[in-house]
N, C-alpha and C. Protein backbone atom coordinates (compact mmCIF):
# COMPACT_ATOMS: atom_id res chain seq x y z
N MET A 1 0.61 -10.46 22.73
CA MET A 1 1.06 -11.84 22.89
C MET A 1 2.57 -11.84 23.04
N ALA A 2 3.05 -12.65 23.96
CA ALA A 2 4.49 -12.68 24.25
C ALA A 2 5.27 -13.38 23.13
N ASP A 3 4.82 -14.55 22.72
CA ASP A 3 5.54 -15.31 21.69
C ASP A 3 4.83 -15.21 20.35
N SER A 4 4.73 -13.97 19.87
CA SER A 4 4.11 -13.75 18.57
C SER A 4 4.80 -12.58 17.90
N TYR A 5 4.53 -12.42 16.64
CA TYR A 5 5.07 -11.26 15.94
C TYR A 5 4.03 -10.69 14.99
N TRP A 6 4.23 -9.42 14.70
CA TRP A 6 3.36 -8.75 13.73
C TRP A 6 3.92 -9.00 12.35
N LEU A 7 3.02 -9.28 11.43
CA LEU A 7 3.40 -9.54 10.05
C LEU A 7 2.63 -8.60 9.12
N VAL A 8 3.31 -8.17 8.07
CA VAL A 8 2.64 -7.51 6.96
C VAL A 8 2.41 -8.63 5.96
N CYS A 9 1.17 -9.03 5.81
CA CYS A 9 0.82 -10.18 4.97
C CYS A 9 0.43 -9.70 3.58
N HIS A 10 1.23 -10.08 2.60
CA HIS A 10 0.98 -9.72 1.21
C HIS A 10 0.16 -10.85 0.60
N THR A 11 -1.10 -10.58 0.34
CA THR A 11 -2.00 -11.62 -0.15
C THR A 11 -1.89 -11.76 -1.67
N LYS A 12 -2.43 -12.85 -2.14
CA LYS A 12 -2.57 -13.01 -3.58
C LYS A 12 -3.64 -12.02 -4.05
N PRO A 13 -3.68 -11.68 -5.34
CA PRO A 13 -4.63 -10.66 -5.81
C PRO A 13 -6.07 -10.95 -5.40
N ARG A 14 -6.73 -9.90 -4.90
CA ARG A 14 -8.15 -9.93 -4.53
C ARG A 14 -8.49 -10.96 -3.46
N CYS A 15 -7.54 -11.24 -2.56
CA CYS A 15 -7.76 -12.22 -1.49
C CYS A 15 -7.70 -11.59 -0.09
N GLU A 16 -7.67 -10.26 -0.01
CA GLU A 16 -7.51 -9.60 1.29
C GLU A 16 -8.64 -9.96 2.27
N LYS A 17 -9.89 -9.87 1.81
CA LYS A 17 -11.02 -10.13 2.70
C LYS A 17 -11.08 -11.60 3.12
N LYS A 18 -10.77 -12.50 2.21
CA LYS A 18 -10.73 -13.93 2.56
C LYS A 18 -9.65 -14.20 3.59
N PHE A 19 -8.48 -13.56 3.39
CA PHE A 19 -7.38 -13.77 4.34
C PHE A 19 -7.74 -13.19 5.71
N ALA A 20 -8.38 -12.02 5.75
CA ALA A 20 -8.82 -11.44 7.03
C ALA A 20 -9.83 -12.35 7.71
N ALA A 21 -10.71 -12.99 6.94
CA ALA A 21 -11.67 -13.94 7.52
C ALA A 21 -10.94 -15.14 8.12
N LEU A 22 -9.88 -15.60 7.46
CA LEU A 22 -9.07 -16.70 7.99
C LEU A 22 -8.43 -16.29 9.31
N MET A 23 -7.91 -15.06 9.38
CA MET A 23 -7.29 -14.57 10.62
C MET A 23 -8.33 -14.50 11.75
N ALA A 24 -9.54 -14.08 11.41
CA ALA A 24 -10.62 -14.02 12.41
C ALA A 24 -10.98 -15.42 12.89
N ALA A 25 -11.07 -16.37 11.96
CA ALA A 25 -11.40 -17.75 12.32
C ALA A 25 -10.34 -18.35 13.24
N GLU A 26 -9.09 -17.98 13.02
CA GLU A 26 -7.98 -18.48 13.85
C GLU A 26 -7.84 -17.67 15.14
N LYS A 27 -8.65 -16.60 15.25
CA LYS A 27 -8.62 -15.70 16.41
C LYS A 27 -7.27 -14.99 16.55
N PHE A 28 -6.64 -14.66 15.41
CA PHE A 28 -5.41 -13.88 15.40
C PHE A 28 -5.80 -12.41 15.28
N GLU A 29 -5.13 -11.56 16.06
CA GLU A 29 -5.39 -10.13 15.92
C GLU A 29 -4.93 -9.71 14.52
N HIS A 30 -5.77 -8.93 13.84
CA HIS A 30 -5.43 -8.51 12.48
C HIS A 30 -6.15 -7.21 12.16
N TYR A 31 -5.71 -6.59 11.09
CA TYR A 31 -6.37 -5.35 10.64
C TYR A 31 -6.29 -5.26 9.13
N LEU A 32 -7.45 -5.11 8.53
CA LEU A 32 -7.58 -4.87 7.09
C LEU A 32 -8.33 -3.56 6.94
N PRO A 33 -7.61 -2.45 6.71
CA PRO A 33 -8.31 -1.17 6.56
C PRO A 33 -9.13 -1.16 5.27
N LEU A 34 -10.42 -0.87 5.41
CA LEU A 34 -11.34 -0.84 4.27
C LEU A 34 -11.91 0.56 4.10
N ILE A 35 -12.13 0.94 2.86
CA ILE A 35 -12.75 2.23 2.57
C ILE A 35 -13.93 2.00 1.64
N ASP A 36 -14.87 2.92 1.69
CA ASP A 36 -16.04 2.84 0.81
C ASP A 36 -15.66 3.33 -0.58
N SER A 37 -16.22 2.69 -1.57
CA SER A 37 -15.98 3.08 -2.95
C SER A 37 -17.29 3.04 -3.70
N ILE A 38 -17.48 4.00 -4.58
CA ILE A 38 -18.70 4.06 -5.39
C ILE A 38 -18.27 4.07 -6.86
N ARG A 39 -18.87 3.17 -7.62
CA ARG A 39 -18.58 3.10 -9.06
C ARG A 39 -19.88 3.32 -9.82
N ARG A 40 -19.76 4.01 -10.93
CA ARG A 40 -20.91 4.23 -11.79
C ARG A 40 -20.71 3.46 -13.09
N TYR A 41 -21.71 2.66 -13.42
CA TYR A 41 -21.71 1.87 -14.66
C TYR A 41 -22.93 2.30 -15.45
N GLY A 42 -22.75 3.25 -16.34
CA GLY A 42 -23.89 3.76 -17.10
C GLY A 42 -24.91 4.39 -16.17
N GLN A 43 -26.08 3.79 -16.09
CA GLN A 43 -27.15 4.29 -15.22
C GLN A 43 -27.06 3.76 -13.80
N GLN A 44 -26.29 2.71 -13.59
CA GLN A 44 -26.23 2.07 -12.28
C GLN A 44 -25.10 2.64 -11.42
N THR A 45 -25.34 2.65 -10.11
CA THR A 45 -24.32 3.04 -9.14
C THR A 45 -24.14 1.89 -8.17
N LYS A 46 -22.91 1.43 -8.03
CA LYS A 46 -22.59 0.33 -7.11
C LYS A 46 -21.73 0.88 -5.98
N SER A 47 -22.05 0.48 -4.76
CA SER A 47 -21.28 0.88 -3.59
C SER A 47 -20.70 -0.38 -2.95
N PHE A 48 -19.42 -0.32 -2.59
CA PHE A 48 -18.77 -1.47 -1.97
C PHE A 48 -17.59 -0.99 -1.14
N THR A 49 -17.04 -1.90 -0.35
CA THR A 49 -15.82 -1.57 0.40
C THR A 49 -14.64 -2.26 -0.27
N LYS A 50 -13.51 -1.56 -0.23
CA LYS A 50 -12.30 -2.12 -0.82
C LYS A 50 -11.14 -1.85 0.13
N PRO A 51 -10.08 -2.64 0.02
CA PRO A 51 -8.92 -2.42 0.90
C PRO A 51 -8.26 -1.07 0.62
N LEU A 52 -7.87 -0.39 1.68
CA LEU A 52 -7.13 0.86 1.55
C LEU A 52 -5.76 0.59 0.92
N PHE A 53 -5.12 -0.50 1.35
CA PHE A 53 -3.83 -0.91 0.80
C PHE A 53 -4.04 -2.24 0.07
N PRO A 54 -4.36 -2.20 -1.22
CA PRO A 54 -4.64 -3.45 -1.94
C PRO A 54 -3.50 -4.46 -1.80
N GLY A 55 -3.88 -5.68 -1.42
CA GLY A 55 -2.90 -6.76 -1.31
C GLY A 55 -2.30 -6.94 0.06
N TYR A 56 -2.71 -6.12 1.06
CA TYR A 56 -2.06 -6.21 2.37
C TYR A 56 -3.05 -6.33 3.52
N VAL A 57 -2.71 -7.21 4.47
CA VAL A 57 -3.43 -7.37 5.73
C VAL A 57 -2.35 -7.42 6.81
N PHE A 58 -2.60 -6.76 7.94
CA PHE A 58 -1.65 -6.75 9.05
C PHE A 58 -2.14 -7.73 10.09
N ALA A 59 -1.26 -8.60 10.59
CA ALA A 59 -1.70 -9.64 11.52
C ALA A 59 -0.64 -9.92 12.58
N GLN A 60 -1.14 -10.22 13.79
CA GLN A 60 -0.27 -10.66 14.87
C GLN A 60 -0.47 -12.16 15.01
N VAL A 61 0.61 -12.90 14.79
CA VAL A 61 0.51 -14.36 14.70
C VAL A 61 1.43 -15.01 15.74
N PRO A 62 0.91 -15.98 16.51
CA PRO A 62 1.78 -16.72 17.43
C PRO A 62 2.87 -17.46 16.65
N VAL A 63 4.08 -17.46 17.18
CA VAL A 63 5.22 -18.07 16.50
C VAL A 63 4.92 -19.52 16.11
N GLU A 64 4.35 -20.28 17.04
CA GLU A 64 4.12 -21.71 16.78
C GLU A 64 2.99 -21.97 15.78
N LYS A 65 2.21 -20.93 15.44
CA LYS A 65 1.09 -21.13 14.51
C LYS A 65 1.29 -20.39 13.19
N LYS A 66 2.51 -19.98 12.90
CA LYS A 66 2.74 -19.23 11.66
C LYS A 66 2.34 -20.01 10.42
N THR A 67 2.52 -21.33 10.43
CA THR A 67 2.17 -22.13 9.25
C THR A 67 0.68 -22.07 8.94
N ARG A 68 -0.16 -21.74 9.93
CA ARG A 68 -1.61 -21.67 9.73
C ARG A 68 -2.00 -20.56 8.74
N ILE A 69 -1.18 -19.51 8.64
CA ILE A 69 -1.56 -18.42 7.75
C ILE A 69 -1.41 -18.80 6.28
N TYR A 70 -0.72 -19.90 6.01
CA TYR A 70 -0.53 -20.35 4.63
C TYR A 70 -1.52 -21.47 4.24
N GLN A 71 -2.43 -21.84 5.14
CA GLN A 71 -3.24 -23.05 4.94
C GLN A 71 -4.23 -22.98 3.79
N GLN A 72 -4.69 -21.81 3.38
CA GLN A 72 -5.68 -21.74 2.30
C GLN A 72 -5.12 -21.15 1.01
N ASP A 73 -3.82 -21.08 0.89
CA ASP A 73 -3.17 -20.59 -0.33
C ASP A 73 -3.67 -19.20 -0.73
N LEU A 74 -3.80 -18.31 0.25
CA LEU A 74 -4.23 -16.94 0.00
C LEU A 74 -3.08 -15.94 0.09
N LEU A 75 -1.96 -16.40 0.61
CA LEU A 75 -0.85 -15.52 0.95
C LEU A 75 0.31 -15.68 -0.03
N ALA A 76 0.84 -14.55 -0.50
CA ALA A 76 2.03 -14.59 -1.37
C ALA A 76 3.29 -14.62 -0.50
N ARG A 77 3.33 -13.74 0.52
CA ARG A 77 4.47 -13.73 1.45
C ARG A 77 4.08 -12.97 2.71
N ALA A 78 4.86 -13.18 3.75
CA ALA A 78 4.63 -12.49 5.02
C ALA A 78 5.95 -11.84 5.44
N ILE A 79 5.89 -10.56 5.77
CA ILE A 79 7.08 -9.81 6.16
C ILE A 79 6.98 -9.50 7.65
N VAL A 80 8.01 -9.90 8.40
CA VAL A 80 8.02 -9.67 9.85
C VAL A 80 8.30 -8.19 10.11
N VAL A 81 7.51 -7.58 10.98
CA VAL A 81 7.69 -6.17 11.36
C VAL A 81 8.82 -6.10 12.38
N GLU A 82 9.83 -5.29 12.09
CA GLU A 82 10.98 -5.15 12.99
C GLU A 82 10.71 -4.14 14.11
N ASP A 83 10.22 -2.96 13.75
CA ASP A 83 9.96 -1.89 14.72
C ASP A 83 8.48 -1.94 15.13
N VAL A 84 8.15 -2.85 16.05
CA VAL A 84 6.76 -3.05 16.43
C VAL A 84 6.13 -1.81 17.06
N PRO A 85 6.78 -1.12 18.02
CA PRO A 85 6.13 0.09 18.58
C PRO A 85 5.83 1.15 17.52
N GLY A 86 6.76 1.39 16.62
CA GLY A 86 6.54 2.36 15.54
C GLY A 86 5.43 1.91 14.61
N PHE A 87 5.44 0.63 14.28
CA PHE A 87 4.41 0.05 13.42
C PHE A 87 3.03 0.20 14.05
N LEU A 88 2.91 -0.12 15.35
CA LEU A 88 1.61 -0.04 16.03
C LEU A 88 1.11 1.40 16.11
N ARG A 89 2.04 2.37 16.27
CA ARG A 89 1.63 3.79 16.25
C ARG A 89 1.06 4.16 14.89
N GLN A 90 1.76 3.75 13.83
CA GLN A 90 1.29 4.07 12.49
C GLN A 90 -0.03 3.37 12.18
N LEU A 91 -0.16 2.12 12.65
CA LEU A 91 -1.41 1.38 12.43
C LEU A 91 -2.57 2.07 13.14
N GLU A 92 -2.33 2.58 14.33
CA GLU A 92 -3.36 3.31 15.06
C GLU A 92 -3.72 4.59 14.33
N ASP A 93 -2.73 5.27 13.75
CA ASP A 93 -3.00 6.46 12.94
C ASP A 93 -3.90 6.11 11.76
N VAL A 94 -3.60 5.00 11.09
CA VAL A 94 -4.41 4.56 9.95
C VAL A 94 -5.83 4.28 10.42
N ARG A 95 -5.99 3.60 11.55
CA ARG A 95 -7.33 3.31 12.09
C ARG A 95 -8.12 4.60 12.31
N ARG A 96 -7.46 5.59 12.92
CA ARG A 96 -8.12 6.87 13.21
C ARG A 96 -8.52 7.58 11.92
N ILE A 97 -7.63 7.57 10.94
CA ILE A 97 -7.92 8.24 9.67
C ILE A 97 -9.09 7.56 8.96
N VAL A 98 -9.08 6.23 8.91
CA VAL A 98 -10.17 5.49 8.26
C VAL A 98 -11.48 5.74 8.99
N ALA A 99 -11.45 5.73 10.33
CA ALA A 99 -12.66 5.94 11.12
C ALA A 99 -13.19 7.36 10.99
N SER A 100 -12.33 8.31 10.65
CA SER A 100 -12.76 9.71 10.57
C SER A 100 -13.73 9.95 9.42
N GLY A 101 -13.67 9.10 8.40
CA GLY A 101 -14.53 9.29 7.25
C GLY A 101 -14.04 10.36 6.29
N LEU A 102 -12.89 10.94 6.57
CA LEU A 102 -12.34 11.96 5.67
C LEU A 102 -11.90 11.32 4.36
N GLU A 103 -11.96 12.10 3.29
CA GLU A 103 -11.53 11.60 1.99
C GLU A 103 -10.01 11.42 2.01
N MET A 104 -9.55 10.31 1.46
CA MET A 104 -8.11 10.03 1.44
C MET A 104 -7.76 9.22 0.22
N SER A 105 -6.48 9.20 -0.08
CA SER A 105 -5.99 8.32 -1.13
C SER A 105 -4.57 7.94 -0.78
N VAL A 106 -4.15 6.79 -1.22
CA VAL A 106 -2.81 6.29 -0.95
C VAL A 106 -1.86 6.92 -1.97
N MET A 107 -0.77 7.45 -1.47
CA MET A 107 0.23 8.08 -2.32
C MET A 107 1.55 7.34 -2.14
N PRO A 108 2.37 7.29 -3.17
CA PRO A 108 3.68 6.66 -2.99
C PRO A 108 4.53 7.50 -2.05
N PHE A 109 5.34 6.82 -1.24
CA PHE A 109 6.26 7.50 -0.35
C PHE A 109 7.48 7.85 -1.18
N LEU A 110 7.60 9.13 -1.50
CA LEU A 110 8.64 9.55 -2.44
C LEU A 110 9.82 10.17 -1.71
N THR A 111 11.00 9.69 -2.00
CA THR A 111 12.23 10.24 -1.45
C THR A 111 13.10 10.69 -2.61
N LYS A 112 14.02 11.59 -2.32
CA LYS A 112 14.90 12.12 -3.37
C LYS A 112 15.66 10.97 -4.03
N GLY A 113 15.64 10.96 -5.33
CA GLY A 113 16.36 9.93 -6.08
C GLY A 113 15.56 8.65 -6.29
N ARG A 114 14.35 8.57 -5.72
CA ARG A 114 13.53 7.37 -5.88
C ARG A 114 13.08 7.23 -7.33
N ARG A 115 13.26 6.06 -7.88
CA ARG A 115 12.86 5.80 -9.26
C ARG A 115 11.33 5.67 -9.30
N VAL A 116 10.70 6.35 -10.23
CA VAL A 116 9.24 6.35 -10.35
C VAL A 116 8.83 6.16 -11.81
N LYS A 117 7.59 5.73 -11.96
CA LYS A 117 6.98 5.61 -13.29
C LYS A 117 5.79 6.55 -13.31
N ILE A 118 5.63 7.26 -14.39
CA ILE A 118 4.49 8.16 -14.55
C ILE A 118 3.29 7.33 -14.99
N VAL A 119 2.19 7.42 -14.23
CA VAL A 119 1.03 6.55 -14.49
C VAL A 119 -0.21 7.34 -14.93
N GLY A 120 -0.04 8.61 -15.21
CA GLY A 120 -1.18 9.39 -15.67
C GLY A 120 -0.73 10.51 -16.57
N GLY A 121 -1.61 10.93 -17.43
CA GLY A 121 -1.32 12.06 -18.31
C GLY A 121 -0.59 11.66 -19.58
N PRO A 122 -0.11 12.65 -20.31
CA PRO A 122 0.50 12.38 -21.61
C PRO A 122 1.84 11.65 -21.52
N LEU A 123 2.46 11.63 -20.34
CA LEU A 123 3.75 10.95 -20.18
C LEU A 123 3.61 9.55 -19.57
N HIS A 124 2.41 9.02 -19.60
CA HIS A 124 2.14 7.70 -19.03
C HIS A 124 3.20 6.69 -19.51
N GLY A 125 3.82 5.98 -18.53
CA GLY A 125 4.80 4.95 -18.87
C GLY A 125 6.24 5.41 -18.82
N VAL A 126 6.48 6.73 -18.82
CA VAL A 126 7.85 7.25 -18.76
C VAL A 126 8.38 7.07 -17.34
N GLU A 127 9.67 6.70 -17.21
CA GLU A 127 10.28 6.52 -15.91
C GLU A 127 11.28 7.62 -15.64
N GLY A 128 11.43 7.98 -14.38
CA GLY A 128 12.37 9.02 -13.99
C GLY A 128 12.71 8.92 -12.52
N PHE A 129 13.26 10.00 -11.97
CA PHE A 129 13.68 10.04 -10.57
C PHE A 129 13.02 11.23 -9.89
N VAL A 130 12.67 11.07 -8.60
CA VAL A 130 12.08 12.16 -7.83
C VAL A 130 13.15 13.23 -7.63
N ASP A 131 12.75 14.45 -7.87
CA ASP A 131 13.63 15.60 -7.73
C ASP A 131 13.92 15.87 -6.25
N ASN A 132 12.94 16.38 -5.53
CA ASN A 132 13.11 16.72 -4.12
C ASN A 132 11.74 16.73 -3.47
N PRO A 133 11.38 15.67 -2.72
CA PRO A 133 10.02 15.59 -2.19
C PRO A 133 9.68 16.68 -1.16
N SER A 134 10.67 17.26 -0.48
CA SER A 134 10.36 18.29 0.51
C SER A 134 10.02 19.63 -0.17
N ASN A 135 10.56 19.86 -1.35
CA ASN A 135 10.23 21.05 -2.14
C ASN A 135 10.07 20.57 -3.59
N PRO A 136 8.98 19.82 -3.84
CA PRO A 136 8.87 19.15 -5.13
C PRO A 136 8.74 20.12 -6.30
N ARG A 137 9.60 19.90 -7.26
CA ARG A 137 9.51 20.67 -8.49
C ARG A 137 9.13 19.74 -9.63
N GLY A 138 9.26 18.43 -9.42
CA GLY A 138 8.89 17.49 -10.46
C GLY A 138 9.73 16.24 -10.46
N VAL A 139 9.77 15.62 -11.63
CA VAL A 139 10.49 14.37 -11.82
C VAL A 139 11.59 14.62 -12.85
N ILE A 140 12.74 14.05 -12.58
CA ILE A 140 13.85 14.20 -13.52
C ILE A 140 13.86 13.00 -14.46
N ILE A 141 13.76 13.27 -15.75
CA ILE A 141 13.83 12.24 -16.78
C ILE A 141 15.24 12.33 -17.36
N SER A 142 15.99 11.24 -17.25
CA SER A 142 17.39 11.32 -17.68
C SER A 142 17.56 11.05 -19.17
N VAL A 143 18.52 11.75 -19.74
CA VAL A 143 18.97 11.54 -21.11
C VAL A 143 20.45 11.17 -20.96
N ASP A 144 20.68 9.87 -20.72
CA ASP A 144 22.02 9.40 -20.35
C ASP A 144 23.09 9.75 -21.37
N VAL A 145 22.80 9.62 -22.64
CA VAL A 145 23.80 9.84 -23.67
C VAL A 145 24.34 11.28 -23.63
N LEU A 146 23.51 12.22 -23.16
CA LEU A 146 23.94 13.61 -23.04
C LEU A 146 24.39 13.94 -21.62
N GLN A 147 24.24 12.98 -20.72
CA GLN A 147 24.53 13.19 -19.29
C GLN A 147 23.77 14.40 -18.77
N GLN A 148 22.50 14.47 -19.16
CA GLN A 148 21.63 15.55 -18.71
C GLN A 148 20.27 14.97 -18.36
N GLY A 149 19.46 15.79 -17.75
CA GLY A 149 18.11 15.36 -17.41
C GLY A 149 17.12 16.46 -17.67
N LEU A 150 15.87 16.07 -17.81
CA LEU A 150 14.78 17.02 -18.00
C LEU A 150 13.94 17.02 -16.72
N LEU A 151 13.73 18.20 -16.16
CA LEU A 151 12.89 18.32 -14.98
C LEU A 151 11.47 18.60 -15.45
N VAL A 152 10.55 17.64 -15.17
CA VAL A 152 9.16 17.76 -15.62
C VAL A 152 8.29 17.94 -14.39
N LYS A 153 7.47 18.98 -14.39
CA LYS A 153 6.57 19.23 -13.27
C LYS A 153 5.35 18.33 -13.39
N LEU A 154 5.12 17.52 -12.36
CA LEU A 154 3.99 16.58 -12.34
C LEU A 154 3.43 16.47 -10.95
N PRO A 155 2.12 16.25 -10.81
CA PRO A 155 1.56 16.00 -9.47
C PRO A 155 1.97 14.60 -8.99
N ALA A 156 2.17 14.47 -7.69
CA ALA A 156 2.57 13.19 -7.10
C ALA A 156 1.55 12.09 -7.38
N ALA A 157 0.28 12.46 -7.57
CA ALA A 157 -0.75 11.46 -7.85
C ALA A 157 -0.49 10.73 -9.16
N ASN A 158 0.30 11.29 -10.03
CA ASN A 158 0.60 10.66 -11.32
C ASN A 158 1.85 9.79 -11.27
N LEU A 159 2.39 9.56 -10.08
CA LEU A 159 3.63 8.81 -9.95
C LEU A 159 3.42 7.49 -9.22
N GLN A 160 4.14 6.47 -9.67
CA GLN A 160 4.13 5.17 -9.02
C GLN A 160 5.59 4.85 -8.67
N ALA A 161 5.86 4.62 -7.39
CA ALA A 161 7.22 4.29 -6.96
C ALA A 161 7.61 2.93 -7.52
N LEU A 162 8.82 2.83 -7.99
CA LEU A 162 9.34 1.55 -8.52
C LEU A 162 10.29 0.95 -7.51
N PRO A 163 10.43 -0.38 -7.53
CA PRO A 163 11.34 -1.01 -6.57
C PRO A 163 12.79 -0.66 -6.83
């Protein structure tokens, strides 16, 4: 579309599928990557689909109809995509990966010096900084009063990137 833009739509909690249905009803191009999930509850096994990126739907919206995406109070905010060609390449990569059926999980994009919180294991809740993502040795936990840090070896799966 000539007079439209791509948006990263941050939905309210657990509203991704409803928001995608709204985009379909409005006939806006959109993408909500879904993956299969299986949960076991005692003797029962439940299978369902869940968003690959919880809280996010990607949509191409005509400029004059942007207000329509807020009509059902499902959206927290919408972020305009600046690099559309790069975004569309990455979105196509995500589509291919999801369609492949290969096992995957979302990992935080970690850069050197990025502040992170440990979300698994005995250090759950401790905050630190990424050491070096290209040759990861762990997370640096600072001891400011001593102007020193502790380098702790941890798998990236146990880290949550902080803003």
